[in-house]
PDB file of N, CA and C in Angstrom:
ATOM      1  N   UNK A   1     114.343  65.733  88.483  1.00  0.00           N
ATOM      2  CA  UNK A   1     114.017  67.050  88.107  1.00  0.00           C
ATOM      3  C   UNK A   1     112.367  66.967  88.775  1.00  0.00           C
ATOM      4  N   UNK A   2     112.751  67.916  89.302  1.00  0.00           N
ATOM      5  CA  UNK A   2     111.024  68.158  90.638  1.00  0.00           C
ATOM      6  C   UNK A   2     109.605  67.752  89.302  1.00  0.00           C
ATOM      7  N   UNK A   3     108.799  67.562  90.171  1.00  0.00           N
ATOM      8  CA  UNK A   3     107.422  67.256  89.669  1.00  0.00           C
ATOM      9  C   UNK A   3     106.901  67.452  90.816  1.00  0.00           C
ATOM     10  N   UNK A   4     105.617  68.155  90.211  1.00  0.00           N
ATOM     11  CA  UNK A   4     104.636  68.963  91.438  1.00  0.00           C
ATOM     12  C   UNK A   4     103.467  68.458  90.504  1.00  0.00           C
ATOM     13  N   UNK A   5     102.628  67.819  91.585  1.00  0.00           N
ATOM     14  CA  UNK A   5     100.832  66.994  91.613  1.00  0.00           C
ATOM     15  C   UNK A   5     100.002  68.934  91.913  1.00  0.00           C
ATOM     16  N   UNK A   6      99.228  68.794  90.952  1.00  0.00           N
ATOM     17  CA  UNK A   6      98.479  70.274  91.446  1.00  0.00           C
ATOM     18  C   UNK A   6      97.148  69.654  91.172  1.00  0.00           C
ATOM     19  N   UNK A   7      96.407  70.178  92.449  1.00  0.00           N
ATOM     20  CA  UNK A   7      94.911  69.603  92.806  1.00  0.00           C
ATOM     21  C   UNK A   7      94.072  70.544  92.923  1.00  0.00           C
ATOM     22  N   UNK A   8      93.108  70.527  91.756  1.00  0.00           N
ATOM     23  CA  UNK A   8      92.292  71.544  91.774  1.00  0.00           C
ATOM     24  C   UNK A   8      90.455  71.218  92.724  1.00  0.00           C
ATOM     25  N   UNK A   9      90.531  71.910  93.423  1.00  0.00           N
ATOM     26  CA  UNK A   9      88.953  71.256  94.817  1.00  0.00           C
ATOM     27  C   UNK A   9      88.621  72.548  94.309  1.00  0.00           C
ATOM     28  N   UNK A  10      87.166  72.435  94.640  1.00  0.00           N
ATOM     29  CA  UNK A  10      86.103  73.048  94.647  1.00  0.00           C
ATOM     30  C   UNK A  10      85.296  72.868  95.835  1.00  0.00           C
ATOM     31  N   UNK A  11      85.518  74.416  96.576  1.00  0.00           N
ATOM     32  CA  UNK A  11      85.071  73.849  98.331  1.00  0.00           C
ATOM     33  C   UNK A  11      83.576  74.340  98.235  1.00  0.00           C
ATOM     34  N   UNK A  12      82.647  73.249  98.790  1.00  0.00           N
ATOM     35  CA  UNK A  12      81.347  73.997  99.356  1.00  0.00           C
ATOM     36  C   UNK A  12      81.213  74.938  99.992  1.00  0.00           C
ATOM     37  N   UNK A  13      80.173  75.860  99.968  1.00  0.00           N
ATOM     38  CA  UNK A  13      80.058  77.166 100.928  1.00  0.00           C
ATOM     39  C   UNK A  13      79.984  76.968 102.596  1.00  0.00           C
ATOM     40  N   UNK A  14      80.986  77.863 102.852  1.00  0.00           N
ATOM     41  CA  UNK A  14      80.955  77.685 104.581  1.00  0.00           C
ATOM     42  C   UNK A  14      81.605  76.120 104.846  1.00  0.00           C
ATOM     43  N   UNK A  15      81.871  75.414 104.138  1.00  0.00           N
ATOM     44  CA  UNK A  15      82.669  74.462 104.688  1.00  0.00           C
ATOM     45  C   UNK A  15      84.679  74.266 104.433  1.00  0.00           C
ATOM     46  N   UNK A  16      85.001  75.023 103.988  1.00  0.00           N
ATOM     47  CA  UNK A  16      86.690  75.913 104.218  1.00  0.00           C
ATOM     48  C   UNK A  16      87.085  75.317 105.556  1.00  0.00           C
ATOM     49  N   UNK A  17      86.915  75.541 106.420  1.00  0.00           N
ATOM     50  CA  UNK A  17      87.738  74.881 107.904  1.00  0.00           C
ATOM     51  C   UNK A  17      87.378  73.109 108.048  1.00  0.00           C
ATOM     52  N   UNK A  18      86.279  72.594 107.286  1.00  0.00           N
ATOM     53  CA  UNK A  18      86.072  71.430 107.435  1.00  0.00           C
ATOM     54  C   UNK A  18      87.452  70.614 106.241  1.00  0.00           C
ATOM     55  N   UNK A  19      87.594  71.343 105.188  1.00  0.00           N
ATOM     56  CA  UNK A  19      88.232  70.874 103.913  1.00  0.00           C
ATOM     57  C   UNK A  19      89.737  71.015 104.640  1.00  0.00           C
ATOM     58  N   UNK A  20      90.159  72.248 105.594  1.00  0.00           N
ATOM     59  CA  UNK A  20      91.706  72.179 106.166  1.00  0.00           C
ATOM     60  C   UNK A  20      91.514  71.098 107.084  1.00  0.00           C
ATOM     61  N   UNK A  21      90.495  70.848 107.689  1.00  0.00           N
ATOM     62  CA  UNK A  21      90.747  69.713 108.733  1.00  0.00           C
ATOM     63  C   UNK A  21      91.015  68.388 108.209  1.00  0.00           C
ATOM     64  N   UNK A  22      90.361  68.230 106.925  1.00  0.00           N
ATOM     65  CA  UNK A  22      90.842  67.048 105.998  1.00  0.00           C
ATOM     66  C   UNK A  22      92.229  66.891 105.688  1.00  0.00           C
ATOM     67  N   UNK A  23      92.939  68.029 105.298  1.00  0.00           N
ATOM     68  CA  UNK A  23      94.277  67.958 104.996  1.00  0.00           C
ATOM     69  C   UNK A  23      95.207  68.253 106.288  1.00  0.00           C
ATOM     70  N   UNK A  24      94.718  68.765 107.632  1.00  0.00           N
ATOM     71  CA  UNK A  24      95.515  68.981 108.675  1.00  0.00           C
ATOM     72  C   UNK A  24      95.693  66.894 109.124  1.00  0.00           C
ATOM     73  N   UNK A  25      94.620  66.344 108.756  1.00  0.00           N
ATOM     74  CA  UNK A  25      94.433  64.982 108.966  1.00  0.00           C
ATOM     75  C   UNK A  25      95.639  64.275 108.221  1.00  0.00           C
ATOM     76  N   UNK A  26      95.456  64.950 106.967  1.00  0.00           N
ATOM     77  CA  UNK A  26      96.607  64.016 105.939  1.00  0.00           C
ATOM     78  C   UNK A  26      97.868  64.150 106.268  1.00  0.00           C
ATOM     79  N   UNK A  27      98.137  65.446 106.807  1.00  0.00           N
ATOM     80  CA  UNK A  27      99.556  65.632 107.382  1.00  0.00           C
ATOM     81  C   UNK A  27      99.870  64.851 108.402  1.00  0.00           C
ATOM     82  N   UNK A  28      99.163  63.946 109.336  1.00  0.00           N
ATOM     83  CA  UNK A  28      99.174  63.725 110.453  1.00  0.00           C
ATOM     84  C   UNK A  28     100.823  62.698 110.608  1.00  0.00           C
ATOM     85  N   UNK A  29     101.032  62.086 111.547  1.00  0.00           N
ATOM     86  CA  UNK A  29     102.006  61.097 111.470  1.00  0.00           C
ATOM     87  C   UNK A  29     102.008  59.843 111.232  1.00  0.00           C
ATOM     88  N   UNK A  30     100.053  59.657 111.119  1.00  0.00           N
ATOM     89  CA  UNK A  30      99.848  58.657 110.703  1.00  0.00           C
ATOM     90  C   UNK A  30      99.958  57.994 109.358  1.00  0.00           C
ATOM     91  N   UNK A  31     100.248  58.919 108.424  1.00  0.00           N
ATOM     92  CA  UNK A  31     100.222  58.895 107.021  1.00  0.00           C
ATOM     93  C   UNK A  31     101.694  59.155 106.547  1.00  0.00           C
ATOM     94  N   UNK A  32     102.690  59.210 107.782  1.00  0.00           N
ATOM     95  CA  UNK A  32     104.149  59.304 107.250  1.00  0.00           C
ATOM     96  C   UNK A  32     104.365  58.165 106.159  1.00  0.00           C
ATOM     97  N   UNK A  33     104.898  58.025 105.437  1.00  0.00           N
ATOM     98  CA  UNK A  33     105.134  56.825 104.292  1.00  0.00           C
ATOM     99  C   UNK A  33     106.868  56.707 104.063  1.00  0.00           C
ATOM    100  N   UNK A  34     107.373  56.161 103.509  1.00  0.00           N
ATOM    101  CA  UNK A  34     108.752  55.897 102.656  1.00  0.00           C
ATOM    102  C   UNK A  34     108.982  57.151 101.818  1.00  0.00           C
ATOM    103  N   UNK A  35     107.930  57.759 101.213  1.00  0.00           N
ATOM    104  CA  UNK A  35     108.311  58.999 100.270  1.00  0.00           C
ATOM    105  C   UNK A  35     107.240  60.128 101.415  1.00  0.00           C
ATOM    106  N   UNK A  36     107.930  61.224 101.682  1.00  0.00           N
ATOM    107  CA  UNK A  36     107.197  62.232 101.882  1.00  0.00           C
ATOM    108  C   UNK A  36     107.439  63.365 100.971  1.00  0.00           C
ATOM    109  N   UNK A  37     106.716  64.636 100.641  1.00  0.00           N
ATOM    110  CA  UNK A  37     106.613  65.462  99.844  1.00  0.00           C
ATOM    111  C   UNK A  37     107.846  66.514 100.298  1.00  0.00           C
ATOM    112  N   UNK A  38     107.901  67.200  99.345  1.00  0.00           N
ATOM    113  CA  UNK A  38     109.281  68.223  99.386  1.00  0.00           C
ATOM    114  C   UNK A  38     108.559  69.311 100.138  1.00  0.00           C
ATOM    115  N   UNK A  39     107.457  69.388  99.721  1.00  0.00           N
ATOM    116  CA  UNK A  39     107.042  70.794  99.942  1.00  0.00           C
ATOM    117  C   UNK A  39     105.264  70.405  99.465  1.00  0.00           C
ATOM    118  N   UNK A  40     104.558  71.169 100.471  1.00  0.00           N
ATOM    119  CA  UNK A  40     103.034  71.303 100.139  1.00  0.00           C
ATOM    120  C   UNK A  40     102.659  72.918 100.162  1.00  0.00           C
ATOM    121  N   UNK A  41     101.859  73.067  99.293  1.00  0.00           N
ATOM    122  CA  UNK A  41     101.120  74.786  98.928  1.00  0.00           C
ATOM    123  C   UNK A  41      99.987  74.626  98.654  1.00  0.00           C
ATOM    124  N   UNK A  42      99.305  75.631  99.284  1.00  0.00           N
ATOM    125  CA  UNK A  42      97.687  75.660  99.132  1.00  0.00           C
ATOM    126  C   UNK A  42      97.536  76.875  98.717  1.00  0.00           C
ATOM    127  N   UNK A  43      96.674  77.202  97.758  1.00  0.00           N
ATOM    128  CA  UNK A  43      96.246  78.609  96.946  1.00  0.00           C
ATOM    129  C   UNK A  43      94.702  78.744  96.749  1.00  0.00           C
ATOM    130  N   UNK A  44      94.281  79.936  96.455  1.00  0.00           N
ATOM    131  CA  UNK A  44      93.204  80.440  96.497  1.00  0.00           C
ATOM    132  C   UNK A  44      93.712  81.733  95.712  1.00  0.00           C
ATOM    133  N   UNK A  45      92.500  81.634  94.619  1.00  0.00           N
ATOM    134  CA  UNK A  45      92.338  82.443  93.459  1.00  0.00           C
ATOM    135  C   UNK A  45      92.033  84.391  94.262  1.00  0.00           C
ATOM    136  N   UNK A  46      92.894  85.021  94.356  1.00  0.00           N
ATOM    137  CA  UNK A  46      92.327  86.257  94.739  1.00  0.00           C
ATOM    138  C   UNK A  46      91.432  87.148  93.911  1.00  0.00           C
ATOM    139  N   UNK A  47      91.291  86.871  92.892  1.00  0.00           N
ATOM    140  CA  UNK A  47      89.858  87.771  91.989  1.00  0.00           C
ATOM    141  C   UNK A  47      89.397  86.763  91.670  1.00  0.00           C
ATOM    142  N   UNK A  48      87.612  86.584  92.139  1.00  0.00           N
ATOM    143  CA  UNK A  48      87.345  87.707  92.363  1.00  0.00           C
ATOM    144  C   UNK A  48      87.139  88.381  94.221  1.00  0.00           C
ATOM    145  N   UNK A  49      87.517  87.517  94.748  1.00  0.00           N
ATOM    146  CA  UNK A  49      87.682  88.071  95.956  1.00  0.00           C
ATOM    147  C   UNK A  49      88.233  86.905  97.177  1.00  0.00           C
ATOM    148  N   UNK A  50      88.233  86.654  97.933  1.00  0.00           N
ATOM    149  CA  UNK A  50      88.439  86.002  99.225  1.00  0.00           C
ATOM    150  C   UNK A  50      87.929  84.856  99.323  1.00  0.00           C
ATOM    151  N   UNK A  51      86.233  85.264  98.891  1.00  0.00           N
ATOM    152  CA  UNK A  51      85.090  84.260  99.068  1.00  0.00           C
ATOM    153  C   UNK A  51      85.122  83.042  97.986  1.00  0.00           C
ATOM    154  N   UNK A  52      86.176  82.961  96.918  1.00  0.00           N
ATOM    155  CA  UNK A  52      86.165  82.271  95.738  1.00  0.00           C
ATOM    156  C   UNK A  52      86.032  80.755  96.500  1.00  0.00           C
ATOM    157  N   UNK A  53      85.741  79.710  95.805  1.00  0.00           N
ATOM    158  CA  UNK A  53      85.313  78.082  96.118  1.00  0.00           C
ATOM    159  C   UNK A  53      86.232  77.163  95.981  1.00  0.00           C
ATOM    160  N   UNK A  54      87.008  77.762  95.075  1.00  0.00           N
ATOM    161  CA  UNK A  54      88.466  76.962  94.332  1.00  0.00           C
ATOM    162  C   UNK A  54      89.777  77.181  95.320  1.00  0.00           C
ATOM    163  N   UNK A  55      90.390  75.720  95.516  1.00  0.00           N
ATOM    164  CA  UNK A  55      91.398  76.042  95.970  1.00  0.00           C
ATOM    165  C   UNK A  55      92.278  75.255  95.465  1.00  0.00           C
ATOM    166  N   UNK A  56      93.725  75.258  95.047  1.00  0.00           N
ATOM    167  CA  UNK A  56      94.631  74.660  94.477  1.00  0.00           C
ATOM    168  C   UNK A  56      95.580  74.342  95.285  1.00  0.00           C
ATOM    169  N   UNK A  57      96.185  73.342  95.182  1.00  0.00           N
ATOM    170  CA  UNK A  57      97.159  72.357  96.042  1.00  0.00           C
ATOM    171  C   UNK A  57      98.210  71.714  95.322  1.00  0.00           C
ATOM    172  N   UNK A  58      99.006  72.336  95.535  1.00  0.00           N
ATOM    173  CA  UNK A  58     100.440  72.034  95.055  1.00  0.00           C
ATOM    174  C   UNK A  58     101.518  70.888  95.830  1.00  0.00           C
ATOM    175  N   UNK A  59     101.676  70.083  95.393  1.00  0.00           N
ATOM    176  CA  UNK A  59     102.292  69.012  96.290  1.00  0.00           C
ATOM    177  C   UNK A  59     103.486  68.605  95.165  1.00  0.00           C
ATOM    178  N   UNK A  60     104.826  69.252  96.160  1.00  0.00           N
ATOM    179  CA  UNK A  60     106.220  68.647  95.308  1.00  0.00           C
ATOM    180  C   UNK A  60     106.791  67.931  95.283  1.00  0.00           C
ATOM    181  N   UNK A  61     107.186  67.220  94.505  1.00  0.00           N
ATOM    182  CA  UNK A  61     108.326  65.670  94.847  1.00  0.00           C
ATOM    183  C   UNK A  61     109.958  65.873  94.267  1.00  0.00           C
ATOM    184  N   UNK A  62     110.582  65.476  94.843  1.00  0.00           N
ATOM    185  CA  UNK A  62     111.962  65.330  93.915  1.00  0.00           C
ATOM    186  C   UNK A  62     111.964  65.252  92.453  1.00  0.00           C
ATOM    187  N   UNK A  63     111.348  63.909  92.343  1.00  0.00           N
ATOM    188  CA  UNK A  63     111.137  63.236  90.985  1.00  0.00           C
ATOM    189  C   UNK A  63     110.207  62.404  90.627  1.00  0.00           C
ATOM    190  N   UNK A  64     109.676  62.047  89.449  1.00  0.00           N
ATOM    191  CA  UNK A  64     108.791  61.197  89.333  1.00  0.00           C
ATOM    192  C   UNK A  64     108.650  59.804  90.157  1.00  0.00           C
ATOM    193  N   UNK A  65     109.937  59.403  90.196  1.00  0.00           N
ATOM    194  CA  UNK A  65     110.011  57.642  91.141  1.00  0.00           C
ATOM    195  C   UNK A  65     109.303  58.411  92.440  1.00  0.00           C
ATOM    196  N   UNK A  66     109.685  59.169  92.976  1.00  0.00           N
ATOM    197  CA  UNK A  66     109.198  59.747  94.563  1.00  0.00           C
ATOM    198  C   UNK A  66     107.864  59.974  94.383  1.00  0.00           C
ATOM    199  N   UNK A  67     107.313  60.657  93.622  1.00  0.00           N
ATOM    200  CA  UNK A  67     105.778  60.922  93.126  1.00  0.00           C
ATOM    201  C   UNK A  67     104.919  59.524  93.241  1.00  0.00           C
ATOM    202  N   UNK A  68     105.507  58.665  92.213  1.00  0.00           N
ATOM    203  CA  UNK A  68     104.798  57.180  92.173  1.00  0.00           C
ATOM    204  C   UNK A  68     105.013  56.393  93.481  1.00  0.00           C
ATOM    205  N   UNK A  69     106.182  56.249  94.252  1.00  0.00           N
ATOM    206  CA  UNK A  69     106.194  55.505  95.366  1.00  0.00           C
ATOM    207  C   UNK A  69     104.960  55.945  96.801  1.00  0.00           C
ATOM    208  N   UNK A  70     105.115  57.754  96.599  1.00  0.00           N
ATOM    209  CA  UNK A  70     104.259  58.230  97.353  1.00  0.00           C
ATOM    210  C   UNK A  70     102.797  57.989  97.124  1.00  0.00           C
ATOM    211  N   UNK A  71     102.192  58.519  95.709  1.00  0.00           N
ATOM    212  CA  UNK A  71     101.140  57.493  95.294  1.00  0.00           C
ATOM    213  C   UNK A  71     101.063  56.209  95.495  1.00  0.00           C
ATOM    214  N   UNK A  72     101.574  55.159  95.018  1.00  0.00           N
ATOM    215  CA  UNK A  72     101.353  53.860  95.528  1.00  0.00           C
ATOM    216  C   UNK A  72     100.807  53.872  96.857  1.00  0.00           C
ATOM    217  N   UNK A  73     101.742  54.337  98.099  1.00  0.00           N
ATOM    218  CA  UNK A  73     101.509  54.243  99.454  1.00  0.00           C
ATOM    219  C   UNK A  73     100.145  54.701  99.676  1.00  0.00           C
ATOM    220  N   UNK A  74      99.705  55.991  98.924  1.00  0.00           N
ATOM    221  CA  UNK A  74      98.372  56.583  99.712  1.00  0.00           C
ATOM    222  C   UNK A  74      97.204  55.466  98.798  1.00  0.00           C
ATOM    223  N   UNK A  75      97.444  55.122  97.799  1.00  0.00           N
ATOM    224  CA  UNK A  75      96.641  54.326  96.813  1.00  0.00           C
ATOM    225  C   UNK A  75      96.363  52.901  97.387  1.00  0.00           C
ATOM    226  N   UNK A  76      97.375  52.323  98.196  1.00  0.00           N
ATOM    227  CA  UNK A  76      97.117  51.135  99.299  1.00  0.00           C
ATOM    228  C   UNK A  76      96.787  51.245 100.572  1.00  0.00           C
ATOM    229  N   UNK A  77      96.551  52.698 101.135  1.00  0.00           N
ATOM    230  CA  UNK A  77      96.448  52.903 102.635  1.00  0.00           C
ATOM    231  C   UNK A  77      94.847  53.143 102.950  1.00  0.00           C
ATOM    232  N   UNK A  78      93.810  52.365 103.126  1.00  0.00           N
ATOM    233  CA  UNK A  78      92.787  52.165 103.471  1.00  0.00           C
ATOM    234  C   UNK A  78      92.308  53.888 104.228  1.00  0.00           C
ATOM    235  N   UNK A  79      93.001  53.904 104.933  1.00  0.00           N
ATOM    236  CA  UNK A  79      92.778  55.207 105.874  1.00  0.00           C
ATOM    237  C   UNK A  79      92.782  56.412 105.045  1.00  0.00           C
ATOM    238  N   UNK A  80      93.865  56.526 104.369  1.00  0.00           N
ATOM    239  CA  UNK A  80      94.294  57.386 103.536  1.00  0.00           C
ATOM    240  C   UNK A  80      92.841  57.704 102.326  1.00  0.00           C
ATOM    241  N   UNK A  81      92.387  56.418 101.868  1.00  0.00           N
ATOM    242  CA  UNK A  81      91.591  56.622 100.778  1.00  0.00           C
ATOM    243  C   UNK A  81      89.756  57.040 101.865  1.00  0.00           C
ATOM    244  N   UNK A  82      89.826  56.811 102.795  1.00  0.00           N
ATOM    245  CA  UNK A  82      88.698  56.648 103.194  1.00  0.00           C
ATOM    246  C   UNK A  82      88.510  58.351 103.369  1.00  0.00           C
ATOM    247  N   UNK A  83      90.014  58.691 103.623  1.00  0.00           N
ATOM    248  CA  UNK A  83      89.908  60.306 103.981  1.00  0.00           C
ATOM    249  C   UNK A  83      89.675  61.219 102.937  1.00  0.00           C
ATOM    250  N   UNK A  84      89.805  60.836 102.113  1.00  0.00           N
ATOM    251  CA  UNK A  84      89.881  61.493 100.369  1.00  0.00           C
ATOM    252  C   UNK A  84      88.450  61.293  99.547  1.00  0.00           C
ATOM    253  N   UNK A  85      87.992  60.128  99.777  1.00  0.00           N
ATOM    254  CA  UNK A  85      86.919  59.677  99.097  1.00  0.00           C
ATOM    255  C   UNK A  85      85.435  60.478  99.270  1.00  0.00           C
ATOM    256  N   UNK A  86      85.354  61.028  98.160  1.00  0.00           N
ATOM    257  CA  UNK A  86      83.967  61.848  98.267  1.00  0.00           C
ATOM    258  C   UNK A  86      82.938  61.452  98.105  1.00  0.00           C
ATOM    259  N   UNK A  87      82.380  62.080  99.273  1.00  0.00           N
ATOM    260  CA  UNK A  87      80.880  61.547 100.218  1.00  0.00           C
ATOM    261  C   UNK A  87      79.687  62.790  99.592  1.00  0.00           C
ATOM    262  N   UNK A  88      78.474  62.123  99.753  1.00  0.00           N
ATOM    263  CA  UNK A  88      77.429  63.311  99.584  1.00  0.00           C
ATOM    264  C   UNK A  88      77.900  64.139  99.950  1.00  0.00           C
ATOM    265  N   UNK A  89      78.147  64.400 101.666  1.00  0.00           N
ATOM    266  CA  UNK A  89      78.269  65.454 102.381  1.00  0.00           C
ATOM    267  C   UNK A  89      79.898  65.794 102.570  1.00  0.00           C
ATOM    268  N   UNK A  90      80.810  65.348 101.749  1.00  0.00           N
ATOM    269  CA  UNK A  90      81.704  66.117 101.710  1.00  0.00           C
ATOM    270  C   UNK A  90      82.442  67.194 101.601  1.00  0.00           C
ATOM    271  N   UNK A  91      83.083  68.266 101.945  1.00  0.00           N
ATOM    272  CA  UNK A  91      83.139  69.488 102.150  1.00  0.00           C
ATOM    273  C   UNK A  91      83.696  69.978 100.949  1.00  0.00           C
ATOM    274  N   UNK A  92      84.313  68.534  99.744  1.00  0.00           N
ATOM    275  CA  UNK A  92      85.495  69.594  98.823  1.00  0.00           C
ATOM    276  C   UNK A  92      84.556  68.383  97.630  1.00  0.00           C
ATOM    277  N   UNK A  93      84.981  68.911  96.306  1.00  0.00           N
ATOM    278  CA  UNK A  93      84.825  67.951  95.084  1.00  0.00           C
ATOM    279  C   UNK A  93      86.536  68.454  94.001  1.00  0.00           C
ATOM    280  N   UNK A  94      86.650  67.089  94.158  1.00  0.00           N
ATOM    281  CA  UNK A  94      87.935  67.050  92.941  1.00  0.00           C
ATOM    282  C   UNK A  94      87.716  67.745  91.771  1.00  0.00           C
ATOM    283  N   UNK A  95      88.146  68.899  91.166  1.00  0.00           N
ATOM    284  CA  UNK A  95      87.850  69.011  89.817  1.00  0.00           C
ATOM    285  C   UNK A  95      88.987  68.332  88.858  1.00  0.00           C
ATOM    286  N   UNK A  96      90.071  67.966  89.067  1.00  0.00           N
ATOM    287  CA  UNK A  96      91.028  68.142  88.300  1.00  0.00           C
ATOM    288  C   UNK A  96      92.620  68.082  89.191  1.00  0.00           C
ATOM    289  N   UNK A  97      93.464  67.348  88.123  1.00  0.00           N
ATOM    290  CA  UNK A  97      94.399  66.725  88.645  1.00  0.00           C
ATOM    291  C   UNK A  97      95.733  66.984  87.218  1.00  0.00           C
ATOM    292  N   UNK A  98      96.700  67.823  88.176  1.00  0.00           N
ATOM    293  CA  UNK A  98      97.774  67.709  86.972  1.00  0.00           C
ATOM    294  C   UNK A  98      98.894  67.266  87.346  1.00  0.00           C
ATOM    295  N   UNK A  99      99.766  66.888  86.601  1.00  0.00           N
ATOM    296  CA  UNK A  99     101.229  66.399  87.360  1.00  0.00           C
ATOM    297  C   UNK A  99     102.190  67.407  86.089  1.00  0.00           C
ATOM    298  N   UNK A 100     102.976  68.276  86.762  1.00  0.00           N
ATOM    299  CA  UNK A 100     103.844  68.931  86.305  1.00  0.00           C
ATOM    300  C   UNK A 100     105.365  68.500  86.335  1.00  0.00           C
ATOM    301  N   UNK A 101     106.088  68.531  85.328  1.00  0.00           N
ATOM    302  CA  UNK A 101     107.254  68.508  85.248  1.00  0.00           C
ATOM    303  C   UNK A 101     108.308  69.498  85.361  1.00  0.00           C
ATOM    304  N   UNK A 102     109.345  69.856  85.689  1.00  0.00           N
ATOM    305  CA  UNK A 102     110.029  70.756  85.511  1.00  0.00           C
ATOM    306  C   UNK A 102     111.058  70.708  84.409  1.00  0.00           C
ATOM    307  N   UNK A 103     111.473  71.895  83.973  1.00  0.00           N
ATOM    308  CA  UNK A 103     112.092  72.400  82.871  1.00  0.00           C
ATOM    309  C   UNK A 103     113.011  72.738  83.565  1.00  0.00           C
ATOM    310  N   UNK A 104     114.366  72.383  82.999  1.00  0.00           N
ATOM    311  CA  UNK A 104     115.568  73.128  83.098  1.00  0.00           C
ATOM    312  C   UNK A 104     116.296  73.849  81.885  1.00  0.00           C
ATOM    313  N   UNK A 105     116.203  74.789  81.410  1.00  0.00           N
ATOM    314  CA  UNK A 105     116.842  75.168  80.989  1.00  0.00           C
ATOM    315  C   UNK A 105     118.318  75.393  80.621  1.00  0.00           C
ATOM    316  N   UNK A 106     119.017  75.304  79.972  1.00  0.00           N
ATOM    317  CA  UNK A 106     120.366  74.921  79.850  1.00  0.00           C
ATOM    318  C   UNK A 106     120.822  76.729  79.572  1.00  0.00           C
ATOM    319  N   UNK A 107     121.835  76.857  80.268  1.00  0.00           N
ATOM    320  CA  UNK A 107     122.406  78.710  79.950  1.00  0.00           C
ATOM    321  C   UNK A 107     123.250  78.356  78.370  1.00  0.00           C
ATOM    322  N   UNK A 108     122.982  79.552  77.739  1.00  0.00           N
ATOM    323  CA  UNK A 108     123.790  79.564  76.885  1.00  0.00           C
ATOM    324  C   UNK A 108     124.913  79.532  77.091  1.00  0.00           C
ATOM    325  N   UNK A 109     125.888  78.889  76.166  1.00  0.00           N
ATOM    326  CA  UNK A 109     127.188  78.895  75.869  1.00  0.00           C
ATOM    327  C   UNK A 109     128.134  80.269  75.703  1.00  0.00           C
TER     328      UNK A 109
END
């Protein structure tokens, strides 16, 4: 059953490209591990406008076990942790993380 990890980030004004650079580094081959996400999607709220400073990152895994193995890989990788550890000059601030499990309704009989 599909699992989505939803990350809500606040991006500092004028630092969207810096945040995108971090995500680009995270997608690099040096962070390929035993488990990779099924998909990664990035969204921004359309209203009140394109200059909103909140970004939602959705990372999809085939199941909870895959999410757990990937999370273990990231937590044990010093370079990965350094990439996402917030510093005073970081372009982003992590607001929240949600873990969502897919519900597959059964068809009526």
